[in-house]
Amino acid sequence: MNEQEAIMAFSQSEKVKSGIIWASQALDLLGGLPITEKPGAEKAIRLKIDMMIQEIRLARNITQDPAWDDIESILDQAMVMIHSGVAPDSVVHLTQALSRVTSIGHRSMSFLKEKGLL
């Protein structure tokens, strides 16, 4: 990992983490919505997860770190659950993805600290 890759990995990890947290909180609130509002809320959540997947692909292409592939796969599993009508149960996958993204962010932050850039 070089400085440029570490900066991008750290930046992307923070962006993806915030998206995962947003989606998780939205999924938690989904159960309390009236039936008529759930399809729209699920669509918004799916769109947010799709946006995160695009950010993950960008991070993978820039950093060449295969750890991003695992995260995309986990988010794909969450999307399958949402499409299958068990959206609230997909939070477990988002939690797994959050843990892995946090690891990437921590690793890149440690590298940048060692280089005196943070």
PDB file of N, CA and C in Angstrom:
ATOM      1  N   MET A   1       0.850  -1.174   0.000  1.00  0.00           N
ATOM      2  CA  MET A   1       0.000   0.000   0.000  1.00  0.00           C
ATOM      3  C   MET A   1       0.895   1.236   0.000  1.00  0.00           C
ATOM      4  N   ASN A   2       0.589   2.158  -0.887  1.00  0.00           N
ATOM      5  CA  ASN A   2       1.307   3.426  -0.883  1.00  0.00           C
ATOM      6  C   ASN A   2       0.421   4.518  -0.280  1.00  0.00           C
ATOM      7  N   GLU A   3       0.960   5.719  -0.175  1.00  0.00           N
ATOM      8  CA  GLU A   3       0.238   6.801   0.494  1.00  0.00           C
ATOM      9  C   GLU A   3      -1.080   7.129  -0.216  1.00  0.00           C
ATOM     10  N   GLN A   4      -1.027   7.202  -1.542  1.00  0.00           N
ATOM     11  CA  GLN A   4      -2.226   7.534  -2.314  1.00  0.00           C
ATOM     12  C   GLN A   4      -3.323   6.488  -2.107  1.00  0.00           C
ATOM     13  N   GLU A   5      -2.957   5.212  -2.161  1.00  0.00           N
ATOM     14  CA  GLU A   5      -3.928   4.130  -1.947  1.00  0.00           C
ATOM     15  C   GLU A   5      -4.490   4.176  -0.527  1.00  0.00           C
ATOM     16  N   ALA A   6      -3.638   4.455   0.441  1.00  0.00           N
ATOM     17  CA  ALA A   6      -4.093   4.525   1.835  1.00  0.00           C
ATOM     18  C   ALA A   6      -5.067   5.678   2.040  1.00  0.00           C
ATOM     19  N   ILE A   7      -4.787   6.806   1.441  1.00  0.00           N
ATOM     20  CA  ILE A   7      -5.689   7.958   1.558  1.00  0.00           C
ATOM     21  C   ILE A   7      -7.040   7.623   0.945  1.00  0.00           C
ATOM     22  N   MET A   8      -7.025   7.029  -0.233  1.00  0.00           N
ATOM     23  CA  MET A   8      -8.276   6.673  -0.897  1.00  0.00           C
ATOM     24  C   MET A   8      -9.034   5.603  -0.120  1.00  0.00           C
ATOM     25  N   ALA A   9      -8.306   4.607   0.394  1.00  0.00           N
ATOM     26  CA  ALA A   9      -8.951   3.549   1.169  1.00  0.00           C
ATOM     27  C   ALA A   9      -9.601   4.128   2.426  1.00  0.00           C
ATOM     28  N   PHE A  10      -8.897   5.037   3.094  1.00  0.00           N
ATOM     29  CA  PHE A  10      -9.447   5.643   4.298  1.00  0.00           C
ATOM     30  C   PHE A  10     -10.682   6.476   3.958  1.00  0.00           C
ATOM     31  N   SER A  11     -10.581   7.283   2.927  1.00  0.00           N
ATOM     32  CA  SER A  11     -11.697   8.133   2.515  1.00  0.00           C
ATOM     33  C   SER A  11     -12.918   7.298   2.124  1.00  0.00           C
ATOM     34  N   GLN A  12     -12.709   6.290   1.316  1.00  0.00           N
ATOM     35  CA  GLN A  12     -13.812   5.447   0.871  1.00  0.00           C
ATOM     36  C   GLN A  12     -14.401   4.656   2.032  1.00  0.00           C
ATOM     37  N   SER A  13     -13.553   4.218   2.944  1.00  0.00           N
ATOM     38  CA  SER A  13     -14.072   3.441   4.080  1.00  0.00           C
ATOM     39  C   SER A  13     -15.002   4.305   4.926  1.00  0.00           C
ATOM     40  N   GLU A  14     -14.655   5.562   5.120  1.00  0.00           N
ATOM     41  CA  GLU A  14     -15.512   6.449   5.904  1.00  0.00           C
ATOM     42  C   GLU A  14     -16.840   6.688   5.192  1.00  0.00           C
ATOM     43  N   LYS A  15     -16.790   6.854   3.884  1.00  0.00           N
ATOM     44  CA  LYS A  15     -18.006   7.088   3.110  1.00  0.00           C
ATOM     45  C   LYS A  15     -18.916   5.861   3.147  1.00  0.00           C
ATOM     46  N   VAL A  16     -18.330   4.677   2.952  1.00  0.00           N
ATOM     47  CA  VAL A  16     -19.116   3.446   2.948  1.00  0.00           C
ATOM     48  C   VAL A  16     -19.652   3.147   4.345  1.00  0.00           C
ATOM     49  N   LYS A  17     -18.852   3.392   5.378  1.00  0.00           N
ATOM     50  CA  LYS A  17     -19.333   3.171   6.747  1.00  0.00           C
ATOM     51  C   LYS A  17     -20.567   4.009   7.041  1.00  0.00           C
ATOM     52  N   SER A  18     -20.535   5.266   6.656  1.00  0.00           N
ATOM     53  CA  SER A  18     -21.693   6.115   6.942  1.00  0.00           C
ATOM     54  C   SER A  18     -22.923   5.626   6.189  1.00  0.00           C
ATOM     55  N   GLY A  19     -22.741   5.125   4.965  1.00  0.00           N
ATOM     56  CA  GLY A  19     -23.863   4.583   4.207  1.00  0.00           C
ATOM     57  C   GLY A  19     -24.429   3.322   4.833  1.00  0.00           C
ATOM     58  N   ILE A  20     -23.565   2.466   5.328  1.00  0.00           N
ATOM     59  CA  ILE A  20     -24.010   1.228   5.975  1.00  0.00           C
ATOM     60  C   ILE A  20     -24.779   1.552   7.250  1.00  0.00           C
ATOM     61  N   ILE A  21     -24.283   2.496   8.015  1.00  0.00           N
ATOM     62  CA  ILE A  21     -24.975   2.884   9.246  1.00  0.00           C
ATOM     63  C   ILE A  21     -26.345   3.469   8.910  1.00  0.00           C
ATOM     64  N   TRP A  22     -26.405   4.314   7.889  1.00  0.00           N
ATOM     65  CA  TRP A  22     -27.680   4.891   7.464  1.00  0.00           C
ATOM     66  C   TRP A  22     -28.660   3.790   7.076  1.00  0.00           C
ATOM     67  N   ALA A  23     -28.200   2.842   6.236  1.00  0.00           N
ATOM     68  CA  ALA A  23     -29.086   1.765   5.780  1.00  0.00           C
ATOM     69  C   ALA A  23     -29.542   0.895   6.950  1.00  0.00           C
ATOM     70  N   SER A  24     -28.656   0.614   7.882  1.00  0.00           N
ATOM     71  CA  SER A  24     -29.021  -0.199   9.044  1.00  0.00           C
ATOM     72  C   SER A  24     -30.092   0.484   9.887  1.00  0.00           C
ATOM     73  N   GLN A  25     -29.917   1.767  10.117  1.00  0.00           N
ATOM     74  CA  GLN A  25     -30.903   2.501  10.905  1.00  0.00           C
ATOM     75  C   GLN A  25     -32.240   2.581  10.170  1.00  0.00           C
ATOM     76  N   ALA A  26     -32.186   2.763   8.871  1.00  0.00           N
ATOM     77  CA  ALA A  26     -33.421   2.820   8.080  1.00  0.00           C
ATOM     78  C   ALA A  26     -34.143   1.477   8.122  1.00  0.00           C
ATOM     79  N   LEU A  27     -33.390   0.388   8.058  1.00  0.00           N
ATOM     80  CA  LEU A  27     -34.002  -0.941   8.137  1.00  0.00           C
ATOM     81  C   LEU A  27     -34.635  -1.175   9.503  1.00  0.00           C
ATOM     82  N   ASP A  28     -34.019  -0.665  10.556  1.00  0.00           N
ATOM     83  CA  ASP A  28     -34.597  -0.787  11.892  1.00  0.00           C
ATOM     84  C   ASP A  28     -35.926  -0.037  11.997  1.00  0.00           C
ATOM     85  N   LEU A  29     -36.023   1.091  11.326  1.00  0.00           N
ATOM     86  CA  LEU A  29     -37.247   1.890  11.360  1.00  0.00           C
ATOM     87  C   LEU A  29     -38.344   1.327  10.457  1.00  0.00           C
ATOM     88  N   LEU A  30     -37.958   0.485   9.525  1.00  0.00           N
ATOM     89  CA  LEU A  30     -38.897  -0.049   8.538  1.00  0.00           C
ATOM     90  C   LEU A  30     -40.076  -0.770   9.187  1.00  0.00           C
ATOM     91  N   GLY A  31     -39.823  -1.492  10.257  1.00  0.00           N
ATOM     92  CA  GLY A  31     -40.879  -2.250  10.920  1.00  0.00           C
ATOM     93  C   GLY A  31     -42.001  -1.389  11.471  1.00  0.00           C
ATOM     94  N   GLY A  32     -41.708  -0.146  11.792  1.00  0.00           N
ATOM     95  CA  GLY A  32     -42.719   0.732  12.363  1.00  0.00           C
ATOM     96  C   GLY A  32     -43.514   1.525  11.343  1.00  0.00           C
ATOM     97  N   LEU A  33     -43.190   1.337  10.077  1.00  0.00           N
ATOM     98  CA  LEU A  33     -43.905   2.092   9.039  1.00  0.00           C
ATOM     99  C   LEU A  33     -45.219   1.422   8.657  1.00  0.00           C
ATOM    100  N   PRO A  34     -46.198   2.218   8.249  1.00  0.00           N
ATOM    101  CA  PRO A  34     -47.435   1.633   7.728  1.00  0.00           C
ATOM    102  C   PRO A  34     -47.138   0.831   6.449  1.00  0.00           C
ATOM    103  N   ILE A  35     -47.945  -0.174   6.196  1.00  0.00           N
ATOM    104  CA  ILE A  35     -47.756  -1.054   5.037  1.00  0.00           C
ATOM    105  C   ILE A  35     -47.623  -0.254   3.740  1.00  0.00           C
ATOM    106  N   THR A  36     -48.390   0.791   3.593  1.00  0.00           N
ATOM    107  CA  THR A  36     -48.377   1.562   2.345  1.00  0.00           C
ATOM    108  C   THR A  36     -47.073   2.301   2.116  1.00  0.00           C
ATOM    109  N   GLU A  37     -46.328   2.574   3.182  1.00  0.00           N
ATOM    110  CA  GLU A  37     -45.079   3.321   3.060  1.00  0.00           C
ATOM    111  C   GLU A  37     -43.856   2.420   2.936  1.00  0.00           C
ATOM    112  N   LYS A  38     -43.988   1.148   3.248  1.00  0.00           N
ATOM    113  CA  LYS A  38     -42.840   0.240   3.238  1.00  0.00           C
ATOM    114  C   LYS A  38     -42.195   0.073   1.864  1.00  0.00           C
ATOM    115  N   PRO A  39     -42.970  -0.086   0.783  1.00  0.00           N
ATOM    116  CA  PRO A  39     -42.304  -0.249  -0.525  1.00  0.00           C
ATOM    117  C   PRO A  39     -41.410   0.934  -0.894  1.00  0.00           C
ATOM    118  N   GLY A  40     -41.859   2.147  -0.613  1.00  0.00           N
ATOM    119  CA  GLY A  40     -41.043   3.324  -0.913  1.00  0.00           C
ATOM    120  C   GLY A  40     -39.792   3.381  -0.056  1.00  0.00           C
ATOM    121  N   ALA A  41     -39.937   3.032   1.220  1.00  0.00           N
ATOM    122  CA  ALA A  41     -38.785   3.029   2.121  1.00  0.00           C
ATOM    123  C   ALA A  41     -37.773   1.957   1.701  1.00  0.00           C
ATOM    124  N   GLU A  42     -38.274   0.778   1.338  1.00  0.00           N
ATOM    125  CA  GLU A  42     -37.372  -0.280   0.882  1.00  0.00           C
ATOM    126  C   GLU A  42     -36.642   0.125  -0.388  1.00  0.00           C
ATOM    127  N   LYS A  43     -37.335   0.823  -1.278  1.00  0.00           N
ATOM    128  CA  LYS A  43     -36.695   1.285  -2.508  1.00  0.00           C
ATOM    129  C   LYS A  43     -35.577   2.272  -2.194  1.00  0.00           C
ATOM    130  N   ALA A  44     -35.807   3.185  -1.268  1.00  0.00           N
ATOM    131  CA  ALA A  44     -34.778   4.147  -0.872  1.00  0.00           C
ATOM    132  C   ALA A  44     -33.568   3.430  -0.267  1.00  0.00           C
ATOM    133  N   ILE A  45     -33.826   2.419   0.538  1.00  0.00           N
ATOM    134  CA  ILE A  45     -32.734   1.653   1.151  1.00  0.00           C
ATOM    135  C   ILE A  45     -31.948   0.901   0.081  1.00  0.00           C
ATOM    136  N   ARG A  46     -32.650   0.291  -0.858  1.00  0.00           N
ATOM    137  CA  ARG A  46     -31.969  -0.421  -1.959  1.00  0.00           C
ATOM    138  C   ARG A  46     -31.097   0.532  -2.771  1.00  0.00           C
ATOM    139  N   LEU A  47     -31.616   1.723  -3.042  1.00  0.00           N
ATOM    140  CA  LEU A  47     -30.837   2.708  -3.794  1.00  0.00           C
ATOM    141  C   LEU A  47     -29.569   3.103  -3.040  1.00  0.00           C
ATOM    142  N   LYS A  48     -29.689   3.279  -1.722  1.00  0.00           N
ATOM    143  CA  LYS A  48     -28.526   3.635  -0.910  1.00  0.00           C
ATOM    144  C   LYS A  48     -27.493   2.509  -0.935  1.00  0.00           C
ATOM    145  N   ILE A  49     -27.943   1.275  -0.820  1.00  0.00           N
ATOM    146  CA  ILE A  49     -27.008   0.148  -0.860  1.00  0.00           C
ATOM    147  C   ILE A  49     -26.362   0.041  -2.236  1.00  0.00           C
ATOM    148  N   ASP A  50     -27.130   0.288  -3.296  1.00  0.00           N
ATOM    149  CA  ASP A  50     -26.549   0.303  -4.649  1.00  0.00           C
ATOM    150  C   ASP A  50     -25.462   1.368  -4.760  1.00  0.00           C
ATOM    151  N   MET A  51     -25.700   2.525  -4.168  1.00  0.00           N
ATOM    152  CA  MET A  51     -24.696   3.593  -4.185  1.00  0.00           C
ATOM    153  C   MET A  51     -23.432   3.164  -3.441  1.00  0.00           C
ATOM    154  N   MET A  52     -23.616   2.459  -2.334  1.00  0.00           N
ATOM    155  CA  MET A  52     -22.453   1.985  -1.576  1.00  0.00           C
ATOM    156  C   MET A  52     -21.671   0.954  -2.382  1.00  0.00           C
ATOM    157  N   ILE A  53     -22.375   0.090  -3.094  1.00  0.00           N
ATOM    158  CA  ILE A  53     -21.700  -0.904  -3.926  1.00  0.00           C
ATOM    159  C   ILE A  53     -20.851  -0.214  -4.987  1.00  0.00           C
ATOM    160  N   GLN A  54     -21.356   0.870  -5.564  1.00  0.00           N
ATOM    161  CA  GLN A  54     -20.564   1.629  -6.538  1.00  0.00           C
ATOM    162  C   GLN A  54     -19.317   2.230  -5.882  1.00  0.00           C
ATOM    163  N   GLU A  55     -19.451   2.731  -4.673  1.00  0.00           N
ATOM    164  CA  GLU A  55     -18.300   3.281  -3.947  1.00  0.00           C
ATOM    165  C   GLU A  55     -17.282   2.189  -3.623  1.00  0.00           C
ATOM    166  N   ILE A  56     -17.777   1.004  -3.313  1.00  0.00           N
ATOM    167  CA  ILE A  56     -16.890  -0.132  -3.030  1.00  0.00           C
ATOM    168  C   ILE A  56     -16.119  -0.515  -4.280  1.00  0.00           C
ATOM    169  N   ARG A  57     -16.792  -0.545  -5.417  1.00  0.00           N
ATOM    170  CA  ARG A  57     -16.118  -0.872  -6.687  1.00  0.00           C
ATOM    171  C   ARG A  57     -15.054   0.167  -7.006  1.00  0.00           C
ATOM    172  N   LEU A  58     -15.365   1.430  -6.766  1.00  0.00           N
ATOM    173  CA  LEU A  58     -14.388   2.487  -6.981  1.00  0.00           C
ATOM    174  C   LEU A  58     -13.175   2.271  -6.076  1.00  0.00           C
ATOM    175  N   ALA A  59     -13.426   1.989  -4.803  1.00  0.00           N
ATOM    176  CA  ALA A  59     -12.332   1.762  -3.853  1.00  0.00           C
ATOM    177  C   ALA A  59     -11.466   0.580  -4.279  1.00  0.00           C
ATOM    178  N   ARG A  60     -12.108  -0.499  -4.719  1.00  0.00           N
ATOM    179  CA  ARG A  60     -11.356  -1.673  -5.159  1.00  0.00           C
ATOM    180  C   ARG A  60     -10.492  -1.335  -6.365  1.00  0.00           C
ATOM    181  N   ASN A  61     -11.049  -0.604  -7.309  1.00  0.00           N
ATOM    182  CA  ASN A  61     -10.288  -0.251  -8.510  1.00  0.00           C
ATOM    183  C   ASN A  61      -9.122   0.676  -8.211  1.00  0.00           C
ATOM    184  N   ILE A  62      -9.301   1.587  -7.281  1.00  0.00           N
ATOM    185  CA  ILE A  62      -8.245   2.536  -6.945  1.00  0.00           C
ATOM    186  C   ILE A  62      -7.159   1.888  -6.095  1.00  0.00           C
ATOM    187  N   THR A  63      -7.576   1.110  -5.103  1.00  0.00           N
ATOM    188  CA  THR A  63      -6.608   0.570  -4.137  1.00  0.00           C
ATOM    189  C   THR A  63      -6.089  -0.818  -4.501  1.00  0.00           C
ATOM    190  N   GLN A  64      -6.800  -1.512  -5.373  1.00  0.00           N
ATOM    191  CA  GLN A  64      -6.451  -2.889  -5.741  1.00  0.00           C
ATOM    192  C   GLN A  64      -6.452  -3.832  -4.533  1.00  0.00           C
ATOM    193  N   ASP A  65      -7.222  -3.478  -3.511  1.00  0.00           N
ATOM    194  CA  ASP A  65      -7.319  -4.294  -2.302  1.00  0.00           C
ATOM    195  C   ASP A  65      -8.490  -5.269  -2.457  1.00  0.00           C
ATOM    196  N   PRO A  66      -8.225  -6.579  -2.481  1.00  0.00           N
ATOM    197  CA  PRO A  66      -9.303  -7.559  -2.663  1.00  0.00           C
ATOM    198  C   PRO A  66     -10.272  -7.644  -1.484  1.00  0.00           C
ATOM    199  N   ALA A  67      -9.953  -7.027  -0.371  1.00  0.00           N
ATOM    200  CA  ALA A  67     -10.858  -7.035   0.784  1.00  0.00           C
ATOM    201  C   ALA A  67     -12.188  -6.370   0.443  1.00  0.00           C
ATOM    202  N   TRP A  68     -12.173  -5.440  -0.495  1.00  0.00           N
ATOM    203  CA  TRP A  68     -13.410  -4.775  -0.910  1.00  0.00           C
ATOM    204  C   TRP A  68     -14.364  -5.750  -1.585  1.00  0.00           C
ATOM    205  N   ASP A  69     -13.824  -6.786  -2.241  1.00  0.00           N
ATOM    206  CA  ASP A  69     -14.681  -7.780  -2.905  1.00  0.00           C
ATOM    207  C   ASP A  69     -15.592  -8.477  -1.897  1.00  0.00           C
ATOM    208  N   ASP A  70     -15.059  -8.824  -0.741  1.00  0.00           N
ATOM    209  CA  ASP A  70     -15.842  -9.487   0.297  1.00  0.00           C
ATOM    210  C   ASP A  70     -17.001  -8.603   0.758  1.00  0.00           C
ATOM    211  N   ILE A  71     -16.728  -7.324   0.862  1.00  0.00           N
ATOM    212  CA  ILE A  71     -17.759  -6.392   1.324  1.00  0.00           C
ATOM    213  C   ILE A  71     -18.877  -6.294   0.295  1.00  0.00           C
ATOM    214  N   GLU A  72     -18.505  -6.228  -0.972  1.00  0.00           N
ATOM    215  CA  GLU A  72     -19.532  -6.176  -2.018  1.00  0.00           C
ATOM    216  C   GLU A  72     -20.395  -7.428  -1.989  1.00  0.00           C
ATOM    217  N   SER A  73     -19.780  -8.570  -1.790  1.00  0.00           N
ATOM    218  CA  SER A  73     -20.521  -9.833  -1.715  1.00  0.00           C
ATOM    219  C   SER A  73     -21.505  -9.830  -0.546  1.00  0.00           C
ATOM    220  N   ILE A  74     -21.083  -9.313   0.587  1.00  0.00           N
ATOM    221  CA  ILE A  74     -21.953  -9.255   1.762  1.00  0.00           C
ATOM    222  C   ILE A  74     -23.135  -8.321   1.501  1.00  0.00           C
ATOM    223  N   LEU A  75     -22.879  -7.181   0.870  1.00  0.00           N
ATOM    224  CA  LEU A  75     -23.969  -6.260   0.557  1.00  0.00           C
ATOM    225  C   LEU A  75     -24.920  -6.861  -0.469  1.00  0.00           C
ATOM    226  N   ASP A  76     -24.387  -7.655  -1.384  1.00  0.00           N
ATOM    227  CA  ASP A  76     -25.254  -8.366  -2.336  1.00  0.00           C
ATOM    228  C   ASP A  76     -26.207  -9.307  -1.598  1.00  0.00           C
ATOM    229  N   GLN A  77     -25.711  -9.971  -0.569  1.00  0.00           N
ATOM    230  CA  GLN A  77     -26.565 -10.855   0.232  1.00  0.00           C
ATOM    231  C   GLN A  77     -27.663 -10.060   0.930  1.00  0.00           C
ATOM    232  N   ALA A  78     -27.315  -8.892   1.429  1.00  0.00           N
ATOM    233  CA  ALA A  78     -28.321  -8.029   2.069  1.00  0.00           C
ATOM    234  C   ALA A  78     -29.384  -7.623   1.055  1.00  0.00           C
ATOM    235  N   MET A  79     -28.963  -7.307  -0.153  1.00  0.00           N
ATOM    236  CA  MET A  79     -29.920  -6.920  -1.197  1.00  0.00           C
ATOM    237  C   MET A  79     -30.868  -8.068  -1.534  1.00  0.00           C
ATOM    238  N   VAL A  80     -30.362  -9.283  -1.573  1.00  0.00           N
ATOM    239  CA  VAL A  80     -31.218 -10.443  -1.847  1.00  0.00           C
ATOM    240  C   VAL A  80     -32.291 -10.561  -0.776  1.00  0.00           C
ATOM    241  N   MET A  81     -31.909 -10.359   0.473  1.00  0.00           N
ATOM    242  CA  MET A  81     -32.880 -10.440   1.567  1.00  0.00           C
ATOM    243  C   MET A  81     -33.924  -9.331   1.460  1.00  0.00           C
ATOM    244  N   ILE A  82     -33.487  -8.146   1.099  1.00  0.00           N
ATOM    245  CA  ILE A  82     -34.431  -7.039   0.952  1.00  0.00           C
ATOM    246  C   ILE A  82     -35.416  -7.339  -0.177  1.00  0.00           C
ATOM    247  N   HIS A  83     -34.899  -7.833  -1.298  1.00  0.00           N
ATOM    248  CA  HIS A  83     -35.765  -8.183  -2.436  1.00  0.00           C
ATOM    249  C   HIS A  83     -36.705  -9.339  -2.091  1.00  0.00           C
ATOM    250  N   SER A  84     -36.301 -10.182  -1.162  1.00  0.00           N
ATOM    251  CA  SER A  84     -37.106 -11.352  -0.790  1.00  0.00           C
ATOM    252  C   SER A  84     -38.189 -11.035   0.230  1.00  0.00           C
ATOM    253  N   GLY A  85     -38.249  -9.798   0.675  1.00  0.00           N
ATOM    254  CA  GLY A  85     -39.302  -9.407   1.608  1.00  0.00           C
ATOM    255  C   GLY A  85     -38.944  -9.534   3.074  1.00  0.00           C
ATOM    256  N   VAL A  86     -37.691  -9.819   3.364  1.00  0.00           N
ATOM    257  CA  VAL A  86     -37.248  -9.915   4.764  1.00  0.00           C
ATOM    258  C   VAL A  86     -36.176  -8.850   5.034  1.00  0.00           C
ATOM    259  N   ALA A  87     -36.490  -7.631   4.640  1.00  0.00           N
ATOM    260  CA  ALA A  87     -35.535  -6.528   4.736  1.00  0.00           C
ATOM    261  C   ALA A  87     -34.938  -6.344   6.138  1.00  0.00           C
ATOM    262  N   PRO A  88     -35.742  -6.355   7.198  1.00  0.00           N
ATOM    263  CA  PRO A  88     -35.144  -6.140   8.525  1.00  0.00           C
ATOM    264  C   PRO A  88     -34.093  -7.195   8.902  1.00  0.00           C
ATOM    265  N   ASP A  89     -34.224  -8.395   8.366  1.00  0.00           N
ATOM    266  CA  ASP A  89     -33.261  -9.447   8.675  1.00  0.00           C
ATOM    267  C   ASP A  89     -31.916  -9.246   7.973  1.00  0.00           C
ATOM    268  N   SER A  90     -31.861  -8.324   7.024  1.00  0.00           N
ATOM    269  CA  SER A  90     -30.616  -8.090   6.293  1.00  0.00           C
ATOM    270  C   SER A  90     -29.612  -7.276   7.106  1.00  0.00           C
ATOM    271  N   VAL A  91     -30.026  -6.755   8.250  1.00  0.00           N
ATOM    272  CA  VAL A  91     -29.133  -5.944   9.077  1.00  0.00           C
ATOM    273  C   VAL A  91     -27.903  -6.742   9.496  1.00  0.00           C
ATOM    274  N   VAL A  92     -28.056  -8.035   9.687  1.00  0.00           N
ATOM    275  CA  VAL A  92     -26.906  -8.856  10.083  1.00  0.00           C
ATOM    276  C   VAL A  92     -25.805  -8.785   9.020  1.00  0.00           C
ATOM    277  N   HIS A  93     -26.191  -8.743   7.760  1.00  0.00           N
ATOM    278  CA  HIS A  93     -25.199  -8.638   6.687  1.00  0.00           C
ATOM    279  C   HIS A  93     -24.557  -7.251   6.672  1.00  0.00           C
ATOM    280  N   LEU A  94     -25.351  -6.249   6.933  1.00  0.00           N
ATOM    281  CA  LEU A  94     -24.793  -4.897   6.982  1.00  0.00           C
ATOM    282  C   LEU A  94     -23.804  -4.759   8.132  1.00  0.00           C
ATOM    283  N   THR A  95     -24.083  -5.425   9.237  1.00  0.00           N
ATOM    284  CA  THR A  95     -23.163  -5.403  10.374  1.00  0.00           C
ATOM    285  C   THR A  95     -21.835  -6.064  10.008  1.00  0.00           C
ATOM    286  N   GLN A  96     -21.903  -7.175   9.284  1.00  0.00           N
ATOM    287  CA  GLN A  96     -20.676  -7.842   8.818  1.00  0.00           C
ATOM    288  C   GLN A  96     -19.886  -6.932   7.886  1.00  0.00           C
ATOM    289  N   ALA A  97     -20.601  -6.284   6.970  1.00  0.00           N
ATOM    290  CA  ALA A  97     -19.940  -5.375   6.030  1.00  0.00           C
ATOM    291  C   ALA A  97     -19.293  -4.208   6.779  1.00  0.00           C
ATOM    292  N   LEU A  98     -20.003  -3.670   7.772  1.00  0.00           N
ATOM    293  CA  LEU A  98     -19.466  -2.557   8.555  1.00  0.00           C
ATOM    294  C   LEU A  98     -18.170  -2.948   9.255  1.00  0.00           C
ATOM    295  N   SER A  99     -18.132  -4.138   9.798  1.00  0.00           N
ATOM    296  CA  SER A  99     -16.931  -4.618  10.471  1.00  0.00           C
ATOM    297  C   SER A  99     -15.746  -4.695   9.507  1.00  0.00           C
ATOM    298  N   ARG A 100     -15.998  -5.197   8.319  1.00  0.00           N
ATOM    299  CA  ARG A 100     -14.904  -5.329   7.338  1.00  0.00           C
ATOM    300  C   ARG A 100     -14.443  -3.972   6.815  1.00  0.00           C
ATOM    301  N   VAL A 101     -15.383  -3.067   6.587  1.00  0.00           N
ATOM    302  CA  VAL A 101     -15.017  -1.727   6.129  1.00  0.00           C
ATOM    303  C   VAL A 101     -14.212  -1.017   7.214  1.00  0.00           C
ATOM    304  N   THR A 102     -14.615  -1.189   8.456  1.00  0.00           N
ATOM    305  CA  THR A 102     -13.885  -0.585   9.572  1.00  0.00           C
ATOM    306  C   THR A 102     -12.457  -1.108   9.618  1.00  0.00           C
ATOM    307  N   SER A 103     -12.267  -2.388   9.343  1.00  0.00           N
ATOM    308  CA  SER A 103     -10.916  -2.968   9.324  1.00  0.00           C
ATOM    309  C   SER A 103     -10.053  -2.331   8.232  1.00  0.00           C
ATOM    310  N   ILE A 104     -10.628  -2.124   7.072  1.00  0.00           N
ATOM    311  CA  ILE A 104      -9.883  -1.476   5.985  1.00  0.00           C
ATOM    312  C   ILE A 104      -9.514  -0.055   6.395  1.00  0.00           C
ATOM    313  N   GLY A 105     -10.463   0.662   6.960  1.00  0.00           N
ATOM    314  CA  GLY A 105     -10.197   2.024   7.400  1.00  0.00           C
ATOM    315  C   GLY A 105      -9.123   2.085   8.469  1.00  0.00           C
ATOM    316  N   HIS A 106      -9.182   1.155   9.401  1.00  0.00           N
ATOM    317  CA  HIS A 106      -8.180   1.120  10.473  1.00  0.00           C
ATOM    318  C   HIS A 106      -6.792   0.823   9.907  1.00  0.00           C
ATOM    319  N   ARG A 107      -6.738  -0.140   9.003  1.00  0.00           N
ATOM    320  CA  ARG A 107      -5.453  -0.514   8.400  1.00  0.00           C
ATOM    321  C   ARG A 107      -4.849   0.668   7.631  1.00  0.00           C
ATOM    322  N   SER A 108      -5.677   1.363   6.856  1.00  0.00           N
ATOM    323  CA  SER A 108      -5.155   2.498   6.086  1.00  0.00           C
ATOM    324  C   SER A 108      -4.785   3.664   7.000  1.00  0.00           C
ATOM    325  N   MET A 109      -5.571   3.889   8.053  1.00  0.00           N
ATOM    326  CA  MET A 109      -5.260   4.961   8.993  1.00  0.00           C
ATOM    327  C   MET A 109      -3.938   4.667   9.707  1.00  0.00           C
ATOM    328  N   SER A 110      -3.716   3.430  10.086  1.00  0.00           N
ATOM    329  CA  SER A 110      -2.454   3.060  10.749  1.00  0.00           C
ATOM    330  C   SER A 110      -1.277   3.301   9.824  1.00  0.00           C
ATOM    331  N   PHE A 111      -1.434   2.954   8.557  1.00  0.00           N
ATOM    332  CA  PHE A 111      -0.375   3.183   7.572  1.00  0.00           C
ATOM    333  C   PHE A 111      -0.067   4.679   7.456  1.00  0.00           C
ATOM    334  N   LEU A 112      -1.135   5.483   7.367  1.00  0.00           N
ATOM    335  CA  LEU A 112      -0.944   6.930   7.233  1.00  0.00           C
ATOM    336  C   LEU A 112      -0.320   7.535   8.487  1.00  0.00           C
ATOM    337  N   LYS A 113      -0.634   7.004   9.654  1.00  0.00           N
ATOM    338  CA  LYS A 113      -0.011   7.481  10.895  1.00  0.00           C
ATOM    339  C   LYS A 113       1.478   7.160  10.906  1.00  0.00           C
ATOM    340  N   GLU A 114       1.803   5.942  10.457  1.00  0.00           N
ATOM    341  CA  GLU A 114       3.219   5.552  10.408  1.00  0.00           C
ATOM    342  C   GLU A 114       4.018   6.455   9.494  1.00  0.00           C
ATOM    343  N   LYS A 115       3.379   6.927   8.435  1.00  0.00           N
ATOM    344  CA  LYS A 115       4.049   7.810   7.469  1.00  0.00           C
ATOM    345  C   LYS A 115       4.010   9.262   7.916  1.00  0.00           C
ATOM    346  N   GLY A 116       3.371   9.545   9.044  1.00  0.00           N
ATOM    347  CA  GLY A 116       3.291  10.905   9.564  1.00  0.00           C
ATOM    348  C   GLY A 116       2.300  11.781   8.822  1.00  0.00           C
ATOM    349  N   LEU A 117       1.342  11.163   8.135  1.00  0.00           N
ATOM    350  CA  LEU A 117       0.368  11.926   7.366  1.00  0.00           C
ATOM    351  C   LEU A 117      -0.926  12.157   8.128  1.00  0.00           C
ATOM    352  N   LEU A 118      -1.080  11.527   9.261  1.00  0.00           N
ATOM    353  CA  LEU A 118      -2.255  11.740  10.121  1.00  0.00           C
ATOM    354  C   LEU A 118      -1.788  12.024  11.534  1.00  0.00           C
TER     355      LEU A 118
END
